[in-house]
């Protein structure tokens, strides 16, 4: 018998002062049995960073051809493609040709810097790819915020992010290794 995905609900209130975006959104996340809590929470963080009513979670781990999140236009063209982890350069190249914008959320304090040094030259040649590094401490803090039903308040100002869940607030400072994102 196959294991089923675990369903999480998230009510997100976004106040992105950098882009003058204010949004309330109810999201449903399906955590695949092989997906770690860390990766699931990074998907939710990615949604907050690039919040848009049209940005959706994809089949992700169930379909290796799809990124973690994407935003498509009315004719099914990919506008924004968000990858998590350390994708190989061929995957990044393919995404850069298929999407208007590609964002990679790299994580893992040990592996990510090595991956970046090995792939930096090729990735920087793609004019529509951005790379953000999320350190392990932030990932651990995000993991402590997991609940089956989550209510997040996310405020973004001057590149800093504050996430509040009830009485708990964490401050995040993502490191942009490559910033070519055009909102």
N, C-alpha and C. Protein backbone atom coordinates (compact mmCIF):
# COMPACT_ATOMS: atom_id res chain seq x y z
N UNK A 1 0.84 -1.18 0.00
CA UNK A 1 0.00 0.00 0.00
C UNK A 1 0.89 1.24 0.00
N UNK A 2 0.61 2.17 -0.91
CA UNK A 2 1.41 3.38 -1.03
C UNK A 2 1.05 4.37 0.08
N UNK A 3 2.05 5.07 0.54
CA UNK A 3 1.83 6.12 1.54
C UNK A 3 1.20 7.33 0.86
N UNK A 4 0.32 8.01 1.58
CA UNK A 4 -0.34 9.19 1.03
C UNK A 4 0.36 10.46 1.52
N UNK A 5 0.17 11.51 0.77
CA UNK A 5 0.69 12.81 1.17
C UNK A 5 -0.03 13.31 2.40
N UNK A 6 0.67 14.11 3.19
CA UNK A 6 0.08 14.77 4.35
C UNK A 6 -0.35 16.17 3.90
N UNK A 7 -1.56 16.54 4.21
CA UNK A 7 -2.09 17.83 3.78
C UNK A 7 -1.96 18.86 4.90
N UNK A 8 -1.44 20.02 4.54
CA UNK A 8 -1.30 21.16 5.45
C UNK A 8 -2.07 22.33 4.86
N UNK A 9 -2.63 23.14 5.71
CA UNK A 9 -3.33 24.36 5.31
C UNK A 9 -2.57 25.55 5.89
N UNK A 10 -2.45 26.58 5.08
CA UNK A 10 -1.75 27.78 5.53
C UNK A 10 -2.55 29.01 5.13
N UNK A 11 -2.84 29.83 6.11
CA UNK A 11 -3.46 31.13 5.86
C UNK A 11 -2.33 32.14 5.97
N UNK A 12 -2.04 32.80 4.86
CA UNK A 12 -0.89 33.70 4.80
C UNK A 12 -1.37 35.14 4.60
N UNK A 13 -0.83 36.04 5.42
CA UNK A 13 -1.07 37.46 5.26
C UNK A 13 0.28 38.08 4.90
N UNK A 14 0.38 38.62 3.70
CA UNK A 14 1.64 39.18 3.20
C UNK A 14 1.56 40.69 3.18
N UNK A 15 2.59 41.33 3.71
CA UNK A 15 2.78 42.77 3.57
C UNK A 15 4.20 42.96 3.04
N UNK A 16 4.31 43.03 1.71
CA UNK A 16 5.61 43.21 1.08
C UNK A 16 5.75 44.70 0.77
N UNK A 17 6.42 45.39 1.67
CA UNK A 17 6.57 46.83 1.53
C UNK A 17 7.52 47.20 0.39
N UNK A 18 8.43 46.29 0.04
CA UNK A 18 9.36 46.55 -1.06
C UNK A 18 8.64 46.62 -2.41
N UNK A 19 7.59 45.82 -2.59
CA UNK A 19 6.86 45.76 -3.86
C UNK A 19 5.42 46.27 -3.75
N UNK A 20 5.10 46.88 -2.60
CA UNK A 20 3.75 47.43 -2.37
C UNK A 20 2.68 46.37 -2.66
N UNK A 21 2.91 45.19 -2.10
CA UNK A 21 2.00 44.06 -2.29
C UNK A 21 1.41 43.67 -0.94
N UNK A 22 0.10 43.62 -0.88
CA UNK A 22 -0.60 43.24 0.34
C UNK A 22 -1.61 42.18 -0.06
N UNK A 23 -1.51 41.01 0.55
CA UNK A 23 -2.29 39.88 0.07
C UNK A 23 -2.63 38.94 1.22
N UNK A 24 -3.85 38.47 1.23
CA UNK A 24 -4.28 37.39 2.12
C UNK A 24 -4.57 36.19 1.24
N UNK A 25 -4.00 35.05 1.59
CA UNK A 25 -4.16 33.87 0.74
C UNK A 25 -4.28 32.62 1.59
N UNK A 26 -5.17 31.74 1.21
CA UNK A 26 -5.29 30.43 1.83
C UNK A 26 -4.63 29.43 0.90
N UNK A 27 -3.65 28.70 1.42
CA UNK A 27 -2.89 27.75 0.62
C UNK A 27 -3.05 26.34 1.17
N UNK A 28 -2.97 25.38 0.28
CA UNK A 28 -2.96 23.98 0.66
C UNK A 28 -1.65 23.38 0.18
N UNK A 29 -0.91 22.76 1.09
CA UNK A 29 0.34 22.10 0.74
C UNK A 29 0.18 20.60 0.94
N UNK A 30 0.58 19.83 -0.05
CA UNK A 30 0.60 18.38 0.09
C UNK A 30 2.06 17.97 0.26
N UNK A 31 2.37 17.40 1.41
CA UNK A 31 3.74 16.96 1.67
C UNK A 31 3.86 15.50 1.25
N UNK A 32 4.61 15.28 0.19
CA UNK A 32 4.86 13.93 -0.32
C UNK A 32 5.57 13.13 0.77
N UNK A 33 5.32 11.83 0.89
CA UNK A 33 5.97 11.03 1.95
C UNK A 33 7.49 11.12 1.94
N UNK A 34 8.09 11.37 0.77
CA UNK A 34 9.55 11.45 0.72
C UNK A 34 10.08 12.88 0.92
N UNK A 35 9.17 13.86 1.05
CA UNK A 35 9.59 15.24 1.23
C UNK A 35 9.86 15.52 2.70
N UNK A 36 10.99 16.18 2.98
CA UNK A 36 11.32 16.53 4.35
C UNK A 36 10.50 17.74 4.81
N UNK A 37 10.39 17.91 6.11
CA UNK A 37 9.71 19.08 6.66
C UNK A 37 10.42 20.35 6.19
N UNK A 38 11.73 20.30 6.13
CA UNK A 38 12.53 21.46 5.72
C UNK A 38 12.13 21.91 4.31
N UNK A 39 12.07 20.97 3.39
CA UNK A 39 11.75 21.31 2.00
C UNK A 39 10.33 21.86 1.89
N UNK A 40 9.40 21.25 2.61
CA UNK A 40 8.02 21.74 2.57
C UNK A 40 7.94 23.18 3.08
N UNK A 41 8.61 23.46 4.18
CA UNK A 41 8.57 24.82 4.73
C UNK A 41 9.29 25.81 3.83
N UNK A 42 10.31 25.36 3.11
CA UNK A 42 10.96 26.24 2.14
C UNK A 42 10.05 26.54 0.96
N UNK A 43 9.21 25.59 0.59
CA UNK A 43 8.21 25.87 -0.46
C UNK A 43 7.27 26.98 0.00
N UNK A 44 6.86 26.90 1.26
CA UNK A 44 5.96 27.92 1.79
C UNK A 44 6.67 29.27 1.88
N UNK A 45 7.92 29.27 2.31
CA UNK A 45 8.70 30.51 2.34
C UNK A 45 8.86 31.09 0.93
N UNK A 46 9.14 30.24 -0.04
CA UNK A 46 9.28 30.70 -1.43
C UNK A 46 8.00 31.36 -1.90
N UNK A 47 6.86 30.76 -1.54
CA UNK A 47 5.59 31.38 -1.93
C UNK A 47 5.48 32.77 -1.31
N UNK A 48 5.88 32.90 -0.05
CA UNK A 48 5.81 34.21 0.62
C UNK A 48 6.74 35.23 -0.05
N UNK A 49 7.93 34.82 -0.41
CA UNK A 49 8.90 35.73 -1.02
C UNK A 49 8.42 36.28 -2.36
N UNK A 50 7.72 35.45 -3.12
CA UNK A 50 7.29 35.82 -4.46
C UNK A 50 5.76 35.79 -4.58
N UNK A 51 5.10 36.14 -3.49
CA UNK A 51 3.65 36.03 -3.37
C UNK A 51 2.92 36.63 -4.57
N UNK A 52 1.98 35.83 -5.03
CA UNK A 52 1.14 36.23 -6.14
C UNK A 52 -0.03 35.25 -6.16
N UNK A 53 -1.22 35.74 -6.43
CA UNK A 53 -2.38 34.86 -6.47
C UNK A 53 -2.25 33.77 -7.51
N UNK A 54 -1.42 33.99 -8.53
CA UNK A 54 -1.24 33.02 -9.61
C UNK A 54 -0.08 32.06 -9.36
N UNK A 55 0.69 32.28 -8.31
CA UNK A 55 1.82 31.40 -8.00
C UNK A 55 1.28 30.15 -7.30
N UNK A 56 1.58 28.98 -7.85
CA UNK A 56 1.02 27.74 -7.30
C UNK A 56 2.12 26.71 -7.04
N UNK A 57 1.81 25.80 -6.12
CA UNK A 57 2.67 24.67 -5.86
C UNK A 57 2.42 23.65 -6.97
N UNK A 58 3.47 23.06 -7.48
CA UNK A 58 3.34 22.08 -8.55
C UNK A 58 3.30 20.67 -7.97
N UNK A 59 3.37 19.69 -8.85
CA UNK A 59 3.42 18.31 -8.40
C UNK A 59 4.77 18.02 -7.74
N UNK A 60 5.75 18.89 -7.99
CA UNK A 60 7.04 18.81 -7.31
C UNK A 60 7.71 17.46 -7.38
N UNK A 61 7.83 16.79 -6.25
CA UNK A 61 8.55 15.53 -6.18
C UNK A 61 7.88 14.42 -6.99
N UNK A 62 6.60 14.57 -7.27
CA UNK A 62 5.88 13.55 -8.06
C UNK A 62 6.16 13.68 -9.55
N UNK A 63 6.62 14.83 -10.00
CA UNK A 63 6.91 15.06 -11.41
C UNK A 63 8.26 15.78 -11.49
N UNK A 64 9.28 15.06 -11.86
CA UNK A 64 10.64 15.62 -11.84
C UNK A 64 10.84 16.72 -12.88
N UNK A 65 9.92 16.86 -13.82
CA UNK A 65 10.03 17.90 -14.83
C UNK A 65 9.54 19.26 -14.34
N UNK A 66 8.82 19.28 -13.23
CA UNK A 66 8.25 20.53 -12.74
C UNK A 66 9.08 21.09 -11.60
N UNK A 67 9.13 22.43 -11.49
CA UNK A 67 9.81 23.05 -10.34
C UNK A 67 8.93 22.91 -9.10
N UNK A 68 9.35 23.46 -8.00
CA UNK A 68 8.56 23.41 -6.76
C UNK A 68 7.32 24.30 -6.85
N UNK A 69 7.46 25.47 -7.46
CA UNK A 69 6.36 26.40 -7.66
C UNK A 69 6.49 27.02 -9.04
N UNK A 70 5.36 27.46 -9.56
CA UNK A 70 5.42 28.24 -10.79
C UNK A 70 4.21 29.14 -10.91
N UNK A 71 4.40 30.12 -11.77
CA UNK A 71 3.32 31.03 -12.14
C UNK A 71 3.24 30.99 -13.65
N UNK A 72 2.05 30.69 -14.17
CA UNK A 72 1.84 30.64 -15.61
C UNK A 72 0.88 31.73 -16.04
N UNK A 73 0.98 32.12 -17.31
CA UNK A 73 0.03 33.09 -17.84
C UNK A 73 -1.17 32.36 -18.44
N UNK A 74 -2.07 33.09 -19.05
CA UNK A 74 -3.30 32.50 -19.56
C UNK A 74 -3.10 31.55 -20.72
N UNK A 75 -1.97 31.63 -21.40
CA UNK A 75 -1.70 30.71 -22.51
C UNK A 75 -0.72 29.62 -22.09
N UNK A 76 -0.61 29.39 -20.78
CA UNK A 76 0.17 28.29 -20.19
C UNK A 76 1.69 28.45 -20.33
N UNK A 77 2.16 29.68 -20.53
CA UNK A 77 3.60 29.92 -20.56
C UNK A 77 4.06 30.17 -19.13
N UNK A 78 5.22 29.63 -18.77
CA UNK A 78 5.74 29.80 -17.42
C UNK A 78 6.35 31.18 -17.28
N UNK A 79 5.80 31.96 -16.35
CA UNK A 79 6.32 33.30 -16.08
C UNK A 79 7.41 33.25 -15.02
N UNK A 80 7.15 32.53 -13.93
CA UNK A 80 8.11 32.39 -12.84
C UNK A 80 8.22 30.92 -12.48
N UNK A 81 9.44 30.45 -12.39
CA UNK A 81 9.73 29.07 -12.02
C UNK A 81 10.62 29.10 -10.79
N UNK A 82 10.21 28.43 -9.71
CA UNK A 82 10.99 28.44 -8.48
C UNK A 82 11.45 27.03 -8.16
N UNK A 83 12.76 26.85 -8.11
CA UNK A 83 13.39 25.57 -7.79
C UNK A 83 13.92 25.62 -6.36
N UNK A 84 13.91 24.48 -5.69
CA UNK A 84 14.48 24.38 -4.35
C UNK A 84 15.67 23.44 -4.39
N UNK A 85 16.68 23.74 -3.58
CA UNK A 85 17.83 22.84 -3.48
C UNK A 85 18.96 23.25 -4.38
N UNK A 86 19.62 22.24 -4.94
CA UNK A 86 20.83 22.46 -5.72
C UNK A 86 20.68 21.77 -7.08
N UNK A 87 19.88 22.35 -7.98
CA UNK A 87 19.65 21.70 -9.27
C UNK A 87 20.91 21.67 -10.12
N UNK A 88 20.99 20.65 -10.98
CA UNK A 88 22.16 20.61 -11.86
C UNK A 88 22.01 21.68 -12.93
N UNK A 89 23.13 22.01 -13.54
CA UNK A 89 23.18 23.12 -14.49
C UNK A 89 22.26 22.89 -15.69
N UNK A 90 22.11 21.66 -16.13
CA UNK A 90 21.23 21.37 -17.26
C UNK A 90 19.78 21.71 -16.93
N UNK A 91 19.37 21.41 -15.71
CA UNK A 91 18.01 21.74 -15.29
C UNK A 91 17.81 23.25 -15.24
N UNK A 92 18.82 23.97 -14.76
CA UNK A 92 18.74 25.43 -14.68
C UNK A 92 18.66 26.01 -16.10
N UNK A 93 19.48 25.49 -17.01
CA UNK A 93 19.47 25.98 -18.39
C UNK A 93 18.10 25.74 -19.03
N UNK A 94 17.55 24.55 -18.84
CA UNK A 94 16.23 24.23 -19.40
C UNK A 94 15.16 25.15 -18.83
N UNK A 95 15.20 25.37 -17.52
CA UNK A 95 14.23 26.27 -16.89
C UNK A 95 14.36 27.69 -17.40
N UNK A 96 15.60 28.14 -17.62
CA UNK A 96 15.81 29.52 -18.09
C UNK A 96 15.27 29.73 -19.50
N UNK A 97 15.24 28.67 -20.29
CA UNK A 97 14.68 28.77 -21.65
C UNK A 97 13.16 28.67 -21.65
N UNK A 98 12.60 27.97 -20.67
CA UNK A 98 11.15 27.75 -20.61
C UNK A 98 10.42 28.85 -19.84
N UNK A 99 11.12 29.60 -18.99
CA UNK A 99 10.48 30.55 -18.08
C UNK A 99 10.98 31.96 -18.30
N UNK A 100 10.13 32.92 -18.02
CA UNK A 100 10.56 34.31 -18.06
C UNK A 100 11.55 34.60 -16.93
N UNK A 101 11.24 34.08 -15.72
CA UNK A 101 12.09 34.26 -14.54
C UNK A 101 12.30 32.91 -13.87
N UNK A 102 13.52 32.66 -13.40
CA UNK A 102 13.83 31.45 -12.65
C UNK A 102 14.47 31.88 -11.33
N UNK A 103 13.99 31.29 -10.24
CA UNK A 103 14.55 31.55 -8.93
C UNK A 103 14.95 30.22 -8.31
N UNK A 104 16.14 30.16 -7.77
CA UNK A 104 16.61 28.96 -7.07
C UNK A 104 16.78 29.33 -5.61
N UNK A 105 16.11 28.60 -4.73
CA UNK A 105 16.32 28.73 -3.29
C UNK A 105 17.26 27.61 -2.90
N UNK A 106 18.54 27.95 -2.74
CA UNK A 106 19.55 26.97 -2.36
C UNK A 106 19.62 26.90 -0.84
N UNK A 107 19.80 25.69 -0.33
CA UNK A 107 19.93 25.51 1.11
C UNK A 107 20.89 24.37 1.39
N UNK A 108 21.42 24.34 2.59
CA UNK A 108 22.40 23.38 3.11
C UNK A 108 23.75 24.10 3.21
N UNK A 109 24.10 24.46 4.44
CA UNK A 109 25.31 25.25 4.69
C UNK A 109 26.58 24.63 4.13
N UNK A 110 26.64 23.31 4.04
CA UNK A 110 27.86 22.66 3.56
C UNK A 110 27.86 22.48 2.04
N UNK A 111 26.76 21.98 1.49
CA UNK A 111 26.72 21.65 0.06
C UNK A 111 26.45 22.86 -0.84
N UNK A 112 25.62 23.80 -0.40
CA UNK A 112 25.22 24.91 -1.26
C UNK A 112 26.40 25.79 -1.71
N UNK A 113 27.32 26.20 -0.81
CA UNK A 113 28.44 27.01 -1.28
C UNK A 113 29.32 26.28 -2.31
N UNK A 114 29.48 24.98 -2.13
CA UNK A 114 30.27 24.19 -3.10
C UNK A 114 29.54 24.15 -4.44
N UNK A 115 28.22 23.88 -4.39
CA UNK A 115 27.41 23.87 -5.61
C UNK A 115 27.50 25.20 -6.32
N UNK A 116 27.40 26.31 -5.58
CA UNK A 116 27.43 27.64 -6.18
C UNK A 116 28.77 27.90 -6.87
N UNK A 117 29.86 27.55 -6.21
CA UNK A 117 31.18 27.77 -6.81
C UNK A 117 31.35 26.95 -8.09
N UNK A 118 30.81 25.74 -8.11
CA UNK A 118 30.93 24.87 -9.28
C UNK A 118 30.03 25.34 -10.43
N UNK A 119 28.93 25.98 -10.14
CA UNK A 119 27.95 26.34 -11.17
C UNK A 119 27.82 27.83 -11.45
N UNK A 120 28.51 28.65 -10.67
CA UNK A 120 28.35 30.10 -10.76
C UNK A 120 28.59 30.65 -12.17
N UNK A 121 29.65 30.23 -12.81
CA UNK A 121 29.99 30.78 -14.13
C UNK A 121 28.88 30.54 -15.14
N UNK A 122 28.36 29.34 -15.17
CA UNK A 122 27.30 29.04 -16.15
C UNK A 122 25.98 29.70 -15.76
N UNK A 123 25.62 29.64 -14.49
CA UNK A 123 24.33 30.18 -14.06
C UNK A 123 24.27 31.69 -14.24
N UNK A 124 25.36 32.39 -13.98
CA UNK A 124 25.35 33.85 -14.14
C UNK A 124 25.22 34.26 -15.61
N UNK A 125 25.47 33.34 -16.53
CA UNK A 125 25.32 33.67 -17.95
C UNK A 125 23.85 33.71 -18.37
N UNK A 126 22.97 33.12 -17.57
CA UNK A 126 21.53 33.17 -17.87
C UNK A 126 20.98 34.45 -17.26
N UNK A 127 20.44 35.31 -18.05
CA UNK A 127 20.04 36.64 -17.60
C UNK A 127 18.70 36.67 -16.87
N UNK A 128 18.06 35.52 -16.72
CA UNK A 128 16.76 35.49 -16.04
C UNK A 128 16.76 34.58 -14.81
N UNK A 129 17.95 34.25 -14.30
CA UNK A 129 18.06 33.34 -13.16
C UNK A 129 18.58 34.09 -11.94
N UNK A 130 17.90 33.88 -10.81
CA UNK A 130 18.34 34.44 -9.53
C UNK A 130 18.56 33.29 -8.56
N UNK A 131 19.52 33.47 -7.65
CA UNK A 131 19.84 32.43 -6.67
C UNK A 131 19.83 33.05 -5.28
N UNK A 132 19.04 32.44 -4.39
CA UNK A 132 18.94 32.90 -3.01
C UNK A 132 19.41 31.77 -2.11
N UNK A 133 20.26 32.11 -1.15
CA UNK A 133 20.73 31.11 -0.19
C UNK A 133 19.99 31.28 1.13
N UNK A 134 19.44 30.17 1.64
CA UNK A 134 18.77 30.15 2.93
C UNK A 134 19.60 29.25 3.85
N UNK A 135 20.14 29.81 4.94
CA UNK A 135 21.04 29.03 5.79
C UNK A 135 20.30 28.05 6.69
N UNK A 136 21.05 27.11 7.24
CA UNK A 136 20.47 26.03 8.05
C UNK A 136 19.74 26.54 9.29
N UNK A 137 20.22 27.61 9.89
CA UNK A 137 19.56 28.15 11.09
C UNK A 137 18.14 28.59 10.76
N UNK A 138 17.98 29.27 9.63
CA UNK A 138 16.65 29.71 9.20
C UNK A 138 15.77 28.50 8.92
N UNK A 139 16.33 27.50 8.25
CA UNK A 139 15.57 26.28 7.95
C UNK A 139 15.09 25.62 9.24
N UNK A 140 15.95 25.57 10.24
CA UNK A 140 15.57 24.96 11.52
C UNK A 140 14.45 25.75 12.18
N UNK A 141 14.53 27.08 12.11
CA UNK A 141 13.47 27.92 12.68
C UNK A 141 12.14 27.69 11.95
N UNK A 142 12.20 27.56 10.64
CA UNK A 142 10.98 27.31 9.86
C UNK A 142 10.35 25.98 10.25
N UNK A 143 11.18 24.98 10.48
CA UNK A 143 10.67 23.67 10.84
C UNK A 143 9.91 23.69 12.17
N UNK A 144 10.28 24.60 13.07
CA UNK A 144 9.58 24.68 14.36
C UNK A 144 8.20 25.30 14.20
N UNK A 145 7.90 25.87 13.04
CA UNK A 145 6.62 26.54 12.81
C UNK A 145 5.58 25.64 12.16
N UNK A 146 5.91 24.36 11.97
CA UNK A 146 4.98 23.46 11.29
C UNK A 146 3.78 23.13 12.17
N UNK A 147 2.62 23.31 11.59
CA UNK A 147 1.36 22.90 12.19
C UNK A 147 0.47 22.46 11.03
N UNK A 148 -0.47 21.59 11.30
CA UNK A 148 -1.35 21.13 10.22
C UNK A 148 -2.16 22.29 9.64
N UNK A 149 -2.52 23.25 10.50
CA UNK A 149 -3.17 24.47 10.06
C UNK A 149 -2.32 25.63 10.56
N UNK A 150 -1.76 26.39 9.62
CA UNK A 150 -0.83 27.46 9.99
C UNK A 150 -1.43 28.82 9.63
N UNK A 151 -1.17 29.80 10.46
CA UNK A 151 -1.53 31.17 10.17
C UNK A 151 -0.26 32.00 10.26
N UNK A 152 0.18 32.48 9.11
CA UNK A 152 1.42 33.24 9.05
C UNK A 152 1.14 34.70 8.72
N UNK A 153 1.88 35.57 9.38
CA UNK A 153 1.95 36.98 9.02
C UNK A 153 3.36 37.18 8.50
N UNK A 154 3.49 37.58 7.26
CA UNK A 154 4.81 37.78 6.65
C UNK A 154 4.96 39.23 6.23
N UNK A 155 5.98 39.87 6.77
CA UNK A 155 6.28 41.26 6.42
C UNK A 155 7.66 41.29 5.78
N UNK A 156 7.74 41.95 4.63
CA UNK A 156 9.01 42.07 3.90
C UNK A 156 9.29 43.55 3.71
N UNK A 157 10.48 43.96 4.17
CA UNK A 157 10.89 45.35 4.01
C UNK A 157 12.40 45.42 3.90
N UNK A 158 12.88 46.10 2.90
CA UNK A 158 14.32 46.28 2.65
C UNK A 158 15.05 44.93 2.61
N UNK A 159 14.39 43.94 2.02
CA UNK A 159 15.01 42.63 1.88
C UNK A 159 14.94 41.75 3.12
N UNK A 160 14.52 42.30 4.24
CA UNK A 160 14.38 41.51 5.46
C UNK A 160 12.97 40.96 5.54
N UNK A 161 12.85 39.80 6.15
CA UNK A 161 11.56 39.12 6.25
C UNK A 161 11.29 38.82 7.72
N UNK A 162 10.08 39.14 8.15
CA UNK A 162 9.63 38.77 9.48
C UNK A 162 8.44 37.85 9.32
N UNK A 163 8.53 36.67 9.90
CA UNK A 163 7.43 35.71 9.89
C UNK A 163 6.91 35.57 11.31
N UNK A 164 5.61 35.74 11.46
CA UNK A 164 4.99 35.61 12.78
C UNK A 164 3.93 34.52 12.74
N UNK A 165 3.99 33.67 13.74
CA UNK A 165 2.98 32.64 13.95
C UNK A 165 2.63 32.73 15.43
N UNK A 166 1.44 33.23 15.70
CA UNK A 166 1.06 33.42 17.10
C UNK A 166 2.02 34.36 17.80
N UNK A 167 2.61 33.90 18.89
CA UNK A 167 3.55 34.70 19.66
C UNK A 167 4.98 34.61 19.13
N UNK A 168 5.23 33.67 18.23
CA UNK A 168 6.58 33.43 17.72
C UNK A 168 6.85 34.25 16.46
N UNK A 169 7.97 34.96 16.45
CA UNK A 169 8.40 35.73 15.28
C UNK A 169 9.85 35.39 14.98
N UNK A 170 10.13 35.15 13.71
CA UNK A 170 11.52 34.95 13.30
C UNK A 170 11.86 35.97 12.23
N UNK A 171 13.12 36.37 12.24
CA UNK A 171 13.62 37.32 11.25
C UNK A 171 14.55 36.57 10.30
N UNK A 172 14.32 36.76 9.02
CA UNK A 172 15.11 36.10 8.00
C UNK A 172 15.83 37.13 7.14
N UNK A 173 17.05 36.83 6.81
CA UNK A 173 17.82 37.68 5.91
C UNK A 173 18.40 36.80 4.80
N UNK A 174 17.58 36.51 3.78
CA UNK A 174 18.09 35.66 2.70
C UNK A 174 19.28 36.33 2.01
N UNK A 175 20.21 35.52 1.58
CA UNK A 175 21.39 36.03 0.89
C UNK A 175 21.20 35.81 -0.60
N UNK A 176 21.15 36.91 -1.34
CA UNK A 176 21.00 36.81 -2.80
C UNK A 176 22.39 36.62 -3.40
N UNK A 177 22.67 35.40 -3.85
CA UNK A 177 23.93 35.15 -4.54
C UNK A 177 23.89 35.72 -5.95
N UNK A 178 22.71 35.77 -6.53
CA UNK A 178 22.55 36.32 -7.87
C UNK A 178 21.15 36.91 -7.94
N UNK A 179 21.06 38.20 -8.15
CA UNK A 179 19.76 38.86 -8.15
C UNK A 179 19.46 39.42 -9.54
N UNK A 180 18.71 38.65 -10.31
CA UNK A 180 18.28 39.10 -11.63
C UNK A 180 16.75 39.04 -11.73
N UNK A 181 16.11 39.00 -10.56
CA UNK A 181 14.65 38.88 -10.53
C UNK A 181 14.02 40.23 -10.84
N UNK A 182 13.04 40.20 -11.71
CA UNK A 182 12.31 41.41 -12.07
C UNK A 182 10.85 41.20 -11.72
N UNK A 183 10.41 41.85 -10.66
CA UNK A 183 9.02 41.68 -10.20
C UNK A 183 8.05 42.29 -11.20
